[in-house]
Amino acid sequence: MPITHKIEKEEVSILVWKITETLEGLLDLYGNINTSNYTSEKRKKEHLISRLMVNKICKNGAIIYNEFGAPELDNAKHLSISHSNELVTIIISNKKTGLDIEKISEKALRTASKFVAEKNLIKLNKEKATLIWCIKEAVYKWHQKGGIDFIKDIIIAEFFAKEHGNVTAYFREKELNLNYLKINNHYLVYVCN
């Protein structure tokens, strides 16, 4: 298994997997699983890899989906899954959690007006825009119920983007502390609360 990063802290396990296998190779690793819901080979691989990683951390945990389509585990632990480019990552925690990984790119900067208040747009570069998007996606996944206005409902305290660090966000007046890490030209962000 090409797990490139493993983070274990109090009540939190995170794995990052770089996709290098063929679909057939992954099917051999996992065994019998239905991937017919996905049309692209990339999505099938992401589906299989997320389940392989869950099995590595929780031998008896199976992924199910709540009424809003968010992934959960059937064993009372909390789960979040993300993928970007060739990376797939999961987080499993005893606390409610959200996780996102995104490749640093111009796309976040081009679309920033959809998730950053207008007054803050002038201070952005592609790295910080990508990190802000990851932070807001991690909060969205933590919430698990949809119905979020990324500009009004998730406010991020001022910060400087670094290789790794912590940032505070306010989701509808609830304070959340998020951790982030730069991995292979990607940002990984997670929250457990």
N, C-alpha and C. Protein backbone atom coordinates (compact mmCIF):
# COMPACT_ATOMS: atom_id res chain seq x y z
N MET A 1 0.84 -1.19 0.00
CA MET A 1 0.00 0.00 0.00
C MET A 1 0.88 1.24 0.00
N PRO A 2 0.67 2.13 -0.94
CA PRO A 2 1.49 3.35 -0.97
C PRO A 2 0.94 4.46 -0.08
N ILE A 3 0.86 4.20 1.19
CA ILE A 3 0.46 5.25 2.13
C ILE A 3 1.67 6.15 2.31
N THR A 4 1.51 7.41 1.95
CA THR A 4 2.64 8.33 1.98
C THR A 4 2.74 9.10 3.29
N HIS A 5 1.62 9.28 3.97
CA HIS A 5 1.62 10.01 5.24
C HIS A 5 0.66 9.35 6.20
N LYS A 6 1.07 9.32 7.45
CA LYS A 6 0.23 8.78 8.53
C LYS A 6 0.35 9.75 9.70
N ILE A 7 -0.78 10.24 10.16
CA ILE A 7 -0.81 11.15 11.30
C ILE A 7 -1.66 10.49 12.37
N GLU A 8 -1.09 10.32 13.55
CA GLU A 8 -1.87 9.79 14.67
C GLU A 8 -1.68 10.71 15.85
N LYS A 9 -2.78 11.22 16.33
CA LYS A 9 -2.81 12.07 17.52
C LYS A 9 -3.88 11.52 18.43
N GLU A 10 -4.11 12.20 19.53
CA GLU A 10 -5.18 11.78 20.44
C GLU A 10 -6.48 11.59 19.68
N GLU A 11 -7.00 10.40 19.68
CA GLU A 11 -8.31 10.08 19.10
C GLU A 11 -8.44 10.41 17.62
N VAL A 12 -7.33 10.58 16.89
CA VAL A 12 -7.37 10.94 15.47
C VAL A 12 -6.36 10.10 14.70
N SER A 13 -6.81 9.50 13.60
CA SER A 13 -5.92 8.81 12.67
C SER A 13 -6.19 9.32 11.26
N ILE A 14 -5.11 9.72 10.57
CA ILE A 14 -5.21 10.22 9.20
C ILE A 14 -4.24 9.43 8.34
N LEU A 15 -4.72 9.00 7.18
CA LEU A 15 -3.86 8.34 6.20
C LEU A 15 -3.98 9.07 4.87
N VAL A 16 -2.85 9.17 4.16
CA VAL A 16 -2.82 9.73 2.81
C VAL A 16 -2.21 8.67 1.90
N TRP A 17 -2.87 8.38 0.81
CA TRP A 17 -2.46 7.34 -0.13
C TRP A 17 -2.25 7.98 -1.49
N LYS A 18 -1.12 7.74 -2.10
CA LYS A 18 -0.86 8.20 -3.47
C LYS A 18 -1.25 7.07 -4.42
N ILE A 19 -2.16 7.37 -5.35
CA ILE A 19 -2.67 6.35 -6.27
C ILE A 19 -1.59 6.01 -7.30
N THR A 20 -1.12 4.77 -7.27
CA THR A 20 -0.16 4.29 -8.26
C THR A 20 -0.62 2.96 -8.87
N GLU A 21 -1.62 2.34 -8.28
CA GLU A 21 -2.06 1.01 -8.68
C GLU A 21 -3.02 1.06 -9.86
N THR A 22 -3.14 -0.06 -10.51
CA THR A 22 -4.19 -0.24 -11.51
C THR A 22 -5.48 -0.56 -10.78
N LEU A 23 -6.59 -0.40 -11.46
CA LEU A 23 -7.88 -0.76 -10.89
C LEU A 23 -7.90 -2.26 -10.55
N GLU A 24 -7.38 -3.07 -11.43
CA GLU A 24 -7.35 -4.52 -11.19
C GLU A 24 -6.52 -4.85 -9.95
N GLY A 25 -5.39 -4.16 -9.78
CA GLY A 25 -4.55 -4.38 -8.60
C GLY A 25 -5.28 -4.03 -7.31
N LEU A 26 -6.04 -2.94 -7.34
CA LEU A 26 -6.81 -2.54 -6.15
C LEU A 26 -7.94 -3.53 -5.87
N LEU A 27 -8.58 -4.00 -6.92
CA LEU A 27 -9.64 -5.00 -6.74
C LEU A 27 -9.07 -6.28 -6.13
N ASP A 28 -7.85 -6.64 -6.51
CA ASP A 28 -7.20 -7.82 -5.92
C ASP A 28 -6.92 -7.60 -4.44
N LEU A 29 -6.53 -6.37 -4.08
CA LEU A 29 -6.26 -6.06 -2.67
C LEU A 29 -7.53 -6.08 -1.83
N TYR A 30 -8.62 -5.55 -2.38
CA TYR A 30 -9.85 -5.41 -1.59
C TYR A 30 -10.72 -6.65 -1.62
N GLY A 31 -10.76 -7.29 -2.74
CA GLY A 31 -11.66 -8.43 -2.85
C GLY A 31 -12.95 -8.03 -3.55
N ASN A 32 -14.01 -8.62 -3.16
CA ASN A 32 -15.30 -8.42 -3.83
C ASN A 32 -15.94 -7.11 -3.38
N ILE A 33 -16.06 -6.17 -4.31
CA ILE A 33 -16.72 -4.89 -4.03
C ILE A 33 -17.35 -4.37 -5.31
N ASN A 34 -18.49 -3.77 -5.18
CA ASN A 34 -19.20 -3.23 -6.33
C ASN A 34 -18.76 -1.79 -6.58
N THR A 35 -18.22 -1.52 -7.76
CA THR A 35 -17.83 -0.16 -8.14
C THR A 35 -18.65 0.32 -9.34
N SER A 36 -19.74 -0.35 -9.63
CA SER A 36 -20.53 -0.01 -10.83
C SER A 36 -21.24 1.34 -10.73
N ASN A 37 -21.34 1.90 -9.54
CA ASN A 37 -21.95 3.23 -9.37
C ASN A 37 -21.09 4.33 -9.96
N TYR A 38 -19.82 4.03 -10.22
CA TYR A 38 -18.88 5.03 -10.72
C TYR A 38 -18.53 4.74 -12.16
N THR A 39 -18.52 5.78 -12.99
CA THR A 39 -18.22 5.59 -14.40
C THR A 39 -16.73 5.73 -14.69
N SER A 40 -16.03 6.58 -13.97
CA SER A 40 -14.61 6.79 -14.27
C SER A 40 -13.74 5.83 -13.45
N GLU A 41 -12.65 5.45 -14.05
CA GLU A 41 -11.70 4.56 -13.37
C GLU A 41 -11.11 5.26 -12.14
N LYS A 42 -10.87 6.57 -12.25
CA LYS A 42 -10.31 7.33 -11.12
C LYS A 42 -11.25 7.26 -9.91
N ARG A 43 -12.54 7.47 -10.11
CA ARG A 43 -13.51 7.41 -9.00
C ARG A 43 -13.58 6.00 -8.41
N LYS A 44 -13.50 4.99 -9.25
CA LYS A 44 -13.49 3.61 -8.74
C LYS A 44 -12.28 3.37 -7.86
N LYS A 45 -11.12 3.86 -8.29
CA LYS A 45 -9.90 3.72 -7.49
C LYS A 45 -10.05 4.44 -6.15
N GLU A 46 -10.56 5.68 -6.18
CA GLU A 46 -10.74 6.45 -4.94
C GLU A 46 -11.68 5.72 -3.98
N HIS A 47 -12.74 5.15 -4.52
CA HIS A 47 -13.71 4.39 -3.72
C HIS A 47 -13.01 3.20 -3.04
N LEU A 48 -12.26 2.44 -3.80
CA LEU A 48 -11.56 1.27 -3.25
C LEU A 48 -10.50 1.67 -2.23
N ILE A 49 -9.72 2.68 -2.57
CA ILE A 49 -8.63 3.10 -1.67
C ILE A 49 -9.17 3.61 -0.34
N SER A 50 -10.25 4.38 -0.37
CA SER A 50 -10.81 4.88 0.90
C SER A 50 -11.23 3.71 1.79
N ARG A 51 -11.77 2.66 1.20
CA ARG A 51 -12.18 1.49 1.98
C ARG A 51 -10.99 0.68 2.48
N LEU A 52 -9.94 0.60 1.67
CA LEU A 52 -8.73 -0.08 2.12
C LEU A 52 -8.11 0.65 3.31
N MET A 53 -8.12 1.98 3.27
CA MET A 53 -7.56 2.75 4.38
C MET A 53 -8.42 2.62 5.63
N VAL A 54 -9.74 2.65 5.48
CA VAL A 54 -10.61 2.46 6.64
C VAL A 54 -10.31 1.11 7.28
N ASN A 55 -10.17 0.07 6.47
CA ASN A 55 -9.87 -1.26 7.00
C ASN A 55 -8.53 -1.32 7.70
N LYS A 56 -7.59 -0.49 7.28
CA LYS A 56 -6.27 -0.45 7.92
C LYS A 56 -6.37 0.12 9.34
N ILE A 57 -7.26 1.10 9.53
CA ILE A 57 -7.42 1.73 10.85
C ILE A 57 -8.46 1.01 11.70
N CYS A 58 -9.60 0.70 11.11
CA CYS A 58 -10.73 0.06 11.82
C CYS A 58 -11.06 -1.25 11.12
N LYS A 59 -10.55 -2.31 11.61
CA LYS A 59 -10.76 -3.62 10.95
C LYS A 59 -12.25 -3.95 10.77
N ASN A 60 -13.08 -3.53 11.71
CA ASN A 60 -14.50 -3.89 11.66
C ASN A 60 -15.40 -2.73 11.26
N GLY A 61 -14.83 -1.67 10.73
CA GLY A 61 -15.65 -0.52 10.35
C GLY A 61 -16.03 -0.54 8.89
N ALA A 62 -17.28 -0.29 8.59
CA ALA A 62 -17.75 -0.21 7.21
C ALA A 62 -18.28 1.20 6.95
N ILE A 63 -18.06 1.70 5.75
CA ILE A 63 -18.54 3.03 5.38
C ILE A 63 -20.01 2.95 4.99
N ILE A 64 -20.79 3.84 5.60
CA ILE A 64 -22.19 4.01 5.24
C ILE A 64 -22.37 5.51 4.95
N TYR A 65 -23.54 5.90 4.47
CA TYR A 65 -23.78 7.31 4.16
C TYR A 65 -25.03 7.79 4.87
N ASN A 66 -24.94 9.01 5.45
CA ASN A 66 -26.10 9.55 6.15
C ASN A 66 -27.11 10.13 5.15
N GLU A 67 -28.19 10.67 5.66
CA GLU A 67 -29.26 11.19 4.81
C GLU A 67 -28.83 12.35 3.93
N PHE A 68 -27.70 12.98 4.25
CA PHE A 68 -27.19 14.11 3.46
C PHE A 68 -26.09 13.67 2.49
N GLY A 69 -25.78 12.37 2.48
CA GLY A 69 -24.76 11.84 1.59
C GLY A 69 -23.36 11.87 2.15
N ALA A 70 -23.20 12.24 3.42
CA ALA A 70 -21.87 12.29 4.03
C ALA A 70 -21.47 10.89 4.50
N PRO A 71 -20.20 10.51 4.30
CA PRO A 71 -19.75 9.19 4.74
C PRO A 71 -19.66 9.12 6.27
N GLU A 72 -20.01 7.97 6.79
CA GLU A 72 -19.91 7.70 8.22
C GLU A 72 -19.42 6.27 8.39
N LEU A 73 -19.04 5.94 9.60
CA LEU A 73 -18.70 4.56 9.92
C LEU A 73 -19.83 3.94 10.71
N ASP A 74 -20.00 2.65 10.56
CA ASP A 74 -21.09 1.95 11.25
C ASP A 74 -20.70 1.53 12.68
N ASN A 75 -19.57 2.03 13.19
CA ASN A 75 -19.11 1.63 14.52
C ASN A 75 -18.98 2.79 15.51
N ALA A 76 -19.71 3.85 15.30
CA ALA A 76 -19.77 5.02 16.19
C ALA A 76 -18.54 5.92 16.11
N LYS A 77 -17.56 5.60 15.30
CA LYS A 77 -16.44 6.51 15.07
C LYS A 77 -16.84 7.46 13.94
N HIS A 78 -16.14 8.57 13.86
CA HIS A 78 -16.43 9.58 12.85
C HIS A 78 -15.41 9.49 11.71
N LEU A 79 -15.88 9.79 10.50
CA LEU A 79 -15.06 9.62 9.30
C LEU A 79 -15.25 10.80 8.36
N SER A 80 -14.17 11.17 7.69
CA SER A 80 -14.24 12.11 6.58
C SER A 80 -13.25 11.62 5.53
N ILE A 81 -13.62 11.81 4.26
CA ILE A 81 -12.82 11.34 3.13
C ILE A 81 -12.62 12.50 2.17
N SER A 82 -11.44 12.57 1.56
CA SER A 82 -11.19 13.57 0.53
C SER A 82 -10.21 13.01 -0.49
N HIS A 83 -10.28 13.56 -1.70
CA HIS A 83 -9.32 13.17 -2.73
C HIS A 83 -9.07 14.35 -3.65
N SER A 84 -7.86 14.41 -4.15
CA SER A 84 -7.46 15.47 -5.07
C SER A 84 -6.30 14.95 -5.89
N ASN A 85 -6.46 15.06 -7.21
CA ASN A 85 -5.40 14.63 -8.09
C ASN A 85 -5.12 13.15 -7.86
N GLU A 86 -3.90 12.81 -7.44
CA GLU A 86 -3.55 11.41 -7.23
C GLU A 86 -3.55 11.03 -5.75
N LEU A 87 -4.07 11.88 -4.88
CA LEU A 87 -4.06 11.60 -3.44
C LEU A 87 -5.48 11.32 -2.93
N VAL A 88 -5.57 10.34 -2.05
CA VAL A 88 -6.81 10.04 -1.33
C VAL A 88 -6.46 10.07 0.14
N THR A 89 -7.31 10.68 0.95
CA THR A 89 -7.04 10.77 2.38
C THR A 89 -8.31 10.52 3.18
N ILE A 90 -8.13 9.94 4.36
CA ILE A 90 -9.24 9.74 5.28
C ILE A 90 -8.81 10.17 6.68
N ILE A 91 -9.79 10.50 7.48
CA ILE A 91 -9.59 10.76 8.90
C ILE A 91 -10.65 9.97 9.65
N ILE A 92 -10.23 9.33 10.72
CA ILE A 92 -11.14 8.62 11.62
C ILE A 92 -10.87 9.15 13.02
N SER A 93 -11.95 9.48 13.72
CA SER A 93 -11.82 10.10 15.03
C SER A 93 -12.97 9.68 15.93
N ASN A 94 -12.76 9.82 17.23
CA ASN A 94 -13.84 9.63 18.19
C ASN A 94 -14.72 10.87 18.26
N LYS A 95 -14.23 11.97 17.70
CA LYS A 95 -14.98 13.24 17.68
C LYS A 95 -15.48 13.52 16.26
N LYS A 96 -16.50 14.35 16.18
CA LYS A 96 -17.00 14.79 14.88
C LYS A 96 -15.85 15.41 14.10
N THR A 97 -15.73 15.07 12.81
CA THR A 97 -14.55 15.49 12.06
C THR A 97 -14.86 15.88 10.63
N GLY A 98 -13.98 16.65 10.04
CA GLY A 98 -14.05 17.03 8.64
C GLY A 98 -12.64 17.15 8.09
N LEU A 99 -12.46 16.79 6.84
CA LEU A 99 -11.13 16.74 6.23
C LEU A 99 -11.23 17.15 4.77
N ASP A 100 -10.23 17.88 4.28
CA ASP A 100 -10.18 18.17 2.85
C ASP A 100 -8.73 18.20 2.41
N ILE A 101 -8.50 17.81 1.16
CA ILE A 101 -7.19 17.93 0.53
C ILE A 101 -7.39 18.50 -0.86
N GLU A 102 -6.57 19.47 -1.22
CA GLU A 102 -6.68 20.13 -2.53
C GLU A 102 -5.28 20.43 -3.05
N LYS A 103 -5.12 20.27 -4.36
CA LYS A 103 -3.88 20.66 -5.00
C LYS A 103 -3.85 22.18 -5.11
N ILE A 104 -2.71 22.78 -4.80
CA ILE A 104 -2.54 24.22 -4.91
C ILE A 104 -2.57 24.58 -6.40
N SER A 105 -3.52 25.44 -6.77
CA SER A 105 -3.66 25.78 -8.18
C SER A 105 -4.34 27.14 -8.36
N GLU A 106 -4.30 27.61 -9.57
CA GLU A 106 -4.95 28.87 -9.93
C GLU A 106 -6.47 28.78 -9.82
N LYS A 107 -7.02 27.56 -9.90
CA LYS A 107 -8.48 27.39 -9.87
C LYS A 107 -9.09 28.02 -8.62
N ALA A 108 -8.47 27.78 -7.45
CA ALA A 108 -9.00 28.36 -6.21
C ALA A 108 -8.98 29.88 -6.27
N LEU A 109 -7.95 30.44 -6.86
CA LEU A 109 -7.85 31.90 -6.97
C LEU A 109 -8.92 32.44 -7.93
N ARG A 110 -9.14 31.74 -9.04
CA ARG A 110 -10.15 32.18 -10.02
C ARG A 110 -11.57 32.13 -9.46
N THR A 111 -11.85 31.18 -8.57
CA THR A 111 -13.20 31.00 -8.03
C THR A 111 -13.36 31.56 -6.62
N ALA A 112 -12.36 32.26 -6.13
CA ALA A 112 -12.35 32.73 -4.74
C ALA A 112 -13.56 33.60 -4.38
N SER A 113 -14.13 34.32 -5.32
CA SER A 113 -15.26 35.18 -5.01
C SER A 113 -16.48 34.38 -4.54
N LYS A 114 -16.49 33.07 -4.75
CA LYS A 114 -17.59 32.22 -4.30
C LYS A 114 -17.45 31.80 -2.84
N PHE A 115 -16.24 31.96 -2.26
CA PHE A 115 -16.05 31.52 -0.87
C PHE A 115 -15.25 32.48 -0.01
N VAL A 116 -14.82 33.62 -0.56
CA VAL A 116 -14.07 34.63 0.19
C VAL A 116 -14.81 35.96 0.06
N ALA A 117 -14.95 36.66 1.19
CA ALA A 117 -15.60 37.97 1.16
C ALA A 117 -14.83 38.93 0.25
N GLU A 118 -15.57 39.79 -0.43
CA GLU A 118 -14.98 40.69 -1.42
C GLU A 118 -13.81 41.51 -0.87
N LYS A 119 -13.94 41.97 0.37
CA LYS A 119 -12.89 42.81 0.97
C LYS A 119 -11.57 42.05 1.14
N ASN A 120 -11.61 40.72 1.16
CA ASN A 120 -10.40 39.92 1.37
C ASN A 120 -9.79 39.38 0.07
N LEU A 121 -10.43 39.61 -1.05
CA LEU A 121 -9.94 39.05 -2.32
C LEU A 121 -8.60 39.64 -2.76
N ILE A 122 -8.34 40.89 -2.45
CA ILE A 122 -7.11 41.54 -2.94
C ILE A 122 -5.85 40.97 -2.28
N LYS A 123 -5.98 40.33 -1.13
CA LYS A 123 -4.82 39.82 -0.42
C LYS A 123 -4.44 38.39 -0.83
N LEU A 124 -5.17 37.82 -1.78
CA LEU A 124 -5.00 36.39 -2.07
C LEU A 124 -3.96 36.10 -3.14
N ASN A 125 -3.30 34.95 -2.96
CA ASN A 125 -2.52 34.32 -4.02
C ASN A 125 -3.06 32.89 -4.13
N LYS A 126 -2.58 32.11 -5.08
CA LYS A 126 -3.16 30.78 -5.30
C LYS A 126 -2.98 29.86 -4.09
N GLU A 127 -1.87 30.01 -3.38
CA GLU A 127 -1.63 29.16 -2.22
C GLU A 127 -2.63 29.44 -1.10
N LYS A 128 -2.79 30.72 -0.76
CA LYS A 128 -3.71 31.06 0.32
C LYS A 128 -5.16 30.79 -0.08
N ALA A 129 -5.51 31.04 -1.34
CA ALA A 129 -6.88 30.76 -1.79
C ALA A 129 -7.18 29.26 -1.68
N THR A 130 -6.21 28.42 -2.06
CA THR A 130 -6.40 26.97 -1.95
C THR A 130 -6.56 26.56 -0.49
N LEU A 131 -5.75 27.12 0.38
CA LEU A 131 -5.84 26.79 1.81
C LEU A 131 -7.18 27.24 2.40
N ILE A 132 -7.64 28.42 2.04
CA ILE A 132 -8.95 28.90 2.53
C ILE A 132 -10.06 27.97 2.04
N TRP A 133 -10.00 27.57 0.77
CA TRP A 133 -11.00 26.63 0.24
C TRP A 133 -10.98 25.34 1.06
N CYS A 134 -9.80 24.81 1.33
CA CYS A 134 -9.68 23.56 2.12
C CYS A 134 -10.27 23.73 3.52
N ILE A 135 -10.00 24.85 4.14
CA ILE A 135 -10.53 25.11 5.48
C ILE A 135 -12.05 25.09 5.45
N LYS A 136 -12.61 25.79 4.49
CA LYS A 136 -14.07 25.88 4.41
C LYS A 136 -14.69 24.53 4.03
N GLU A 137 -14.05 23.77 3.16
CA GLU A 137 -14.54 22.43 2.82
C GLU A 137 -14.47 21.50 4.04
N ALA A 138 -13.40 21.59 4.83
CA ALA A 138 -13.29 20.75 6.03
C ALA A 138 -14.42 21.08 7.01
N VAL A 139 -14.74 22.37 7.16
CA VAL A 139 -15.86 22.76 8.04
C VAL A 139 -17.17 22.24 7.47
N TYR A 140 -17.36 22.36 6.17
CA TYR A 140 -18.57 21.87 5.50
C TYR A 140 -18.73 20.36 5.77
N LYS A 141 -17.66 19.61 5.62
CA LYS A 141 -17.71 18.16 5.85
C LYS A 141 -17.93 17.86 7.34
N TRP A 142 -17.38 18.67 8.21
CA TRP A 142 -17.60 18.51 9.65
C TRP A 142 -19.08 18.69 9.97
N HIS A 143 -19.70 19.69 9.35
CA HIS A 143 -21.12 19.99 9.58
C HIS A 143 -22.02 18.85 9.08
N GLN A 144 -21.73 18.28 7.94
CA GLN A 144 -22.39 17.10 7.35
C GLN A 144 -23.83 17.30 6.91
N LYS A 145 -24.35 18.50 6.94
CA LYS A 145 -25.77 18.65 6.61
C LYS A 145 -26.04 19.57 5.44
N GLY A 146 -25.00 20.11 4.81
CA GLY A 146 -25.22 21.01 3.69
C GLY A 146 -25.84 22.32 4.13
N GLY A 147 -26.36 23.08 3.18
CA GLY A 147 -27.03 24.33 3.51
C GLY A 147 -26.12 25.39 4.09
N ILE A 148 -24.89 25.47 3.59
CA ILE A 148 -23.92 26.43 4.13
C ILE A 148 -23.59 27.48 3.08
N ASP A 149 -23.56 28.74 3.52
CA ASP A 149 -23.06 29.83 2.70
C ASP A 149 -21.59 29.98 3.08
N PHE A 150 -20.68 29.63 2.17
CA PHE A 150 -19.25 29.61 2.48
C PHE A 150 -18.70 30.98 2.87
N ILE A 151 -19.31 32.04 2.41
CA ILE A 151 -18.82 33.38 2.76
C ILE A 151 -19.38 33.84 4.10
N LYS A 152 -20.69 33.70 4.30
CA LYS A 152 -21.33 34.23 5.51
C LYS A 152 -21.25 33.29 6.71
N ASP A 153 -21.34 31.98 6.49
CA ASP A 153 -21.42 31.03 7.60
C ASP A 153 -20.07 30.57 8.14
N ILE A 154 -19.01 30.68 7.33
CA ILE A 154 -17.67 30.24 7.78
C ILE A 154 -16.73 31.42 7.69
N ILE A 155 -16.36 31.96 8.84
CA ILE A 155 -15.46 33.11 8.92
C ILE A 155 -14.12 32.60 9.47
N ILE A 156 -13.04 32.93 8.78
CA ILE A 156 -11.71 32.47 9.18
C ILE A 156 -10.94 33.64 9.76
N ALA A 157 -10.34 33.40 10.94
CA ALA A 157 -9.49 34.42 11.55
C ALA A 157 -8.27 34.65 10.66
N GLU A 158 -7.74 35.85 10.68
CA GLU A 158 -6.57 36.19 9.85
C GLU A 158 -5.41 35.25 10.17
N PHE A 159 -4.73 34.81 9.14
CA PHE A 159 -3.59 33.91 9.32
C PHE A 159 -2.65 34.06 8.12
N PHE A 160 -1.43 33.55 8.27
CA PHE A 160 -0.45 33.50 7.19
C PHE A 160 -0.26 32.05 6.80
N ALA A 161 -0.35 31.75 5.51
CA ALA A 161 -0.19 30.38 5.03
C ALA A 161 1.27 29.96 5.18
N LYS A 162 1.47 28.80 5.82
CA LYS A 162 2.80 28.24 6.02
C LYS A 162 2.78 26.79 5.57
N GLU A 163 3.85 26.07 5.85
CA GLU A 163 3.92 24.64 5.51
C GLU A 163 2.95 23.82 6.36
N HIS A 164 2.74 24.24 7.59
CA HIS A 164 1.78 23.58 8.49
C HIS A 164 1.42 24.55 9.59
N GLY A 165 0.27 24.32 10.20
CA GLY A 165 -0.13 25.21 11.28
C GLY A 165 -1.57 24.97 11.71
N ASN A 166 -2.06 25.90 12.49
CA ASN A 166 -3.43 25.87 13.00
C ASN A 166 -4.12 27.16 12.58
N VAL A 167 -5.42 27.08 12.42
CA VAL A 167 -6.20 28.26 12.09
C VAL A 167 -7.54 28.14 12.80
N THR A 168 -8.08 29.28 13.17
CA THR A 168 -9.39 29.31 13.83
C THR A 168 -10.44 29.75 12.82
N ALA A 169 -11.55 29.03 12.81
CA ALA A 169 -12.68 29.40 11.97
C ALA A 169 -13.91 29.47 12.86
N TYR A 170 -14.86 30.30 12.45
CA TYR A 170 -16.12 30.42 13.16
C TYR A 170 -17.23 29.97 12.23
N PHE A 171 -17.91 28.92 12.63
CA PHE A 171 -19.03 28.42 11.86
C PHE A 171 -20.30 28.77 12.60
N ARG A 172 -21.05 29.73 12.05
CA ARG A 172 -22.29 30.19 12.69
C ARG A 172 -22.06 30.45 14.18
N GLU A 173 -20.98 31.18 14.45
CA GLU A 173 -20.57 31.63 15.78
C GLU A 173 -19.94 30.55 16.66
N LYS A 174 -19.82 29.32 16.18
CA LYS A 174 -19.12 28.27 16.93
C LYS A 174 -17.66 28.30 16.51
N GLU A 175 -16.76 28.36 17.49
CA GLU A 175 -15.33 28.40 17.20
C GLU A 175 -14.79 27.00 16.93
N LEU A 176 -14.08 26.86 15.83
CA LEU A 176 -13.46 25.59 15.45
C LEU A 176 -11.97 25.81 15.24
N ASN A 177 -11.16 24.89 15.72
CA ASN A 177 -9.72 24.93 15.50
C ASN A 177 -9.36 23.88 14.47
N LEU A 178 -8.72 24.31 13.39
CA LEU A 178 -8.35 23.41 12.30
C LEU A 178 -6.83 23.32 12.20
N ASN A 179 -6.36 22.17 11.77
CA ASN A 179 -4.94 21.94 11.52
C ASN A 179 -4.74 21.79 10.03
N TYR A 180 -3.58 22.24 9.55
CA TYR A 180 -3.29 22.07 8.13
C TYR A 180 -1.83 21.69 7.93
N LEU A 181 -1.59 21.06 6.78
CA LEU A 181 -0.27 20.56 6.43
C LEU A 181 -0.13 20.58 4.92
N LYS A 182 1.01 21.04 4.44
CA LYS A 182 1.28 21.05 3.01
C LYS A 182 1.95 19.71 2.66
N ILE A 183 1.37 19.01 1.68
CA ILE A 183 1.88 17.70 1.25
C ILE A 183 1.95 17.70 -0.28
N ASN A 184 3.15 17.57 -0.82
CA ASN A 184 3.31 17.42 -2.27
C ASN A 184 2.48 18.41 -3.08
N ASN A 185 2.62 19.70 -2.83
CA ASN A 185 1.90 20.74 -3.55
C ASN A 185 0.38 20.67 -3.35
N HIS A 186 -0.02 20.10 -2.22
CA HIS A 186 -1.42 20.04 -1.80
C HIS A 186 -1.51 20.60 -0.38
N TYR A 187 -2.68 21.06 -0.01
CA TYR A 187 -2.96 21.35 1.40
C TYR A 187 -3.94 20.32 1.91
N LEU A 188 -3.65 19.78 3.08
CA LEU A 188 -4.55 18.90 3.81
C LEU A 188 -5.00 19.67 5.04
N VAL A 189 -6.30 19.74 5.27
CA VAL A 189 -6.86 20.46 6.42
C VAL A 189 -7.83 19.54 7.13
N TYR A 190 -7.81 19.55 8.48
CA TYR A 190 -8.78 18.76 9.22
C TYR A 190 -9.21 19.46 10.49
N VAL A 191 -10.42 19.10 10.91
CA VAL A 191 -11.00 19.62 12.15
C VAL A 191 -11.62 18.44 12.90
N CYS A 192 -11.42 18.41 14.21
CA CYS A 192 -12.07 17.43 15.09
C CYS A 192 -12.63 18.21 16.26
N ASN A 193 -13.93 18.11 16.47
CA ASN A 193 -14.53 18.90 17.54
C ASN A 193 -15.80 18.25 18.03
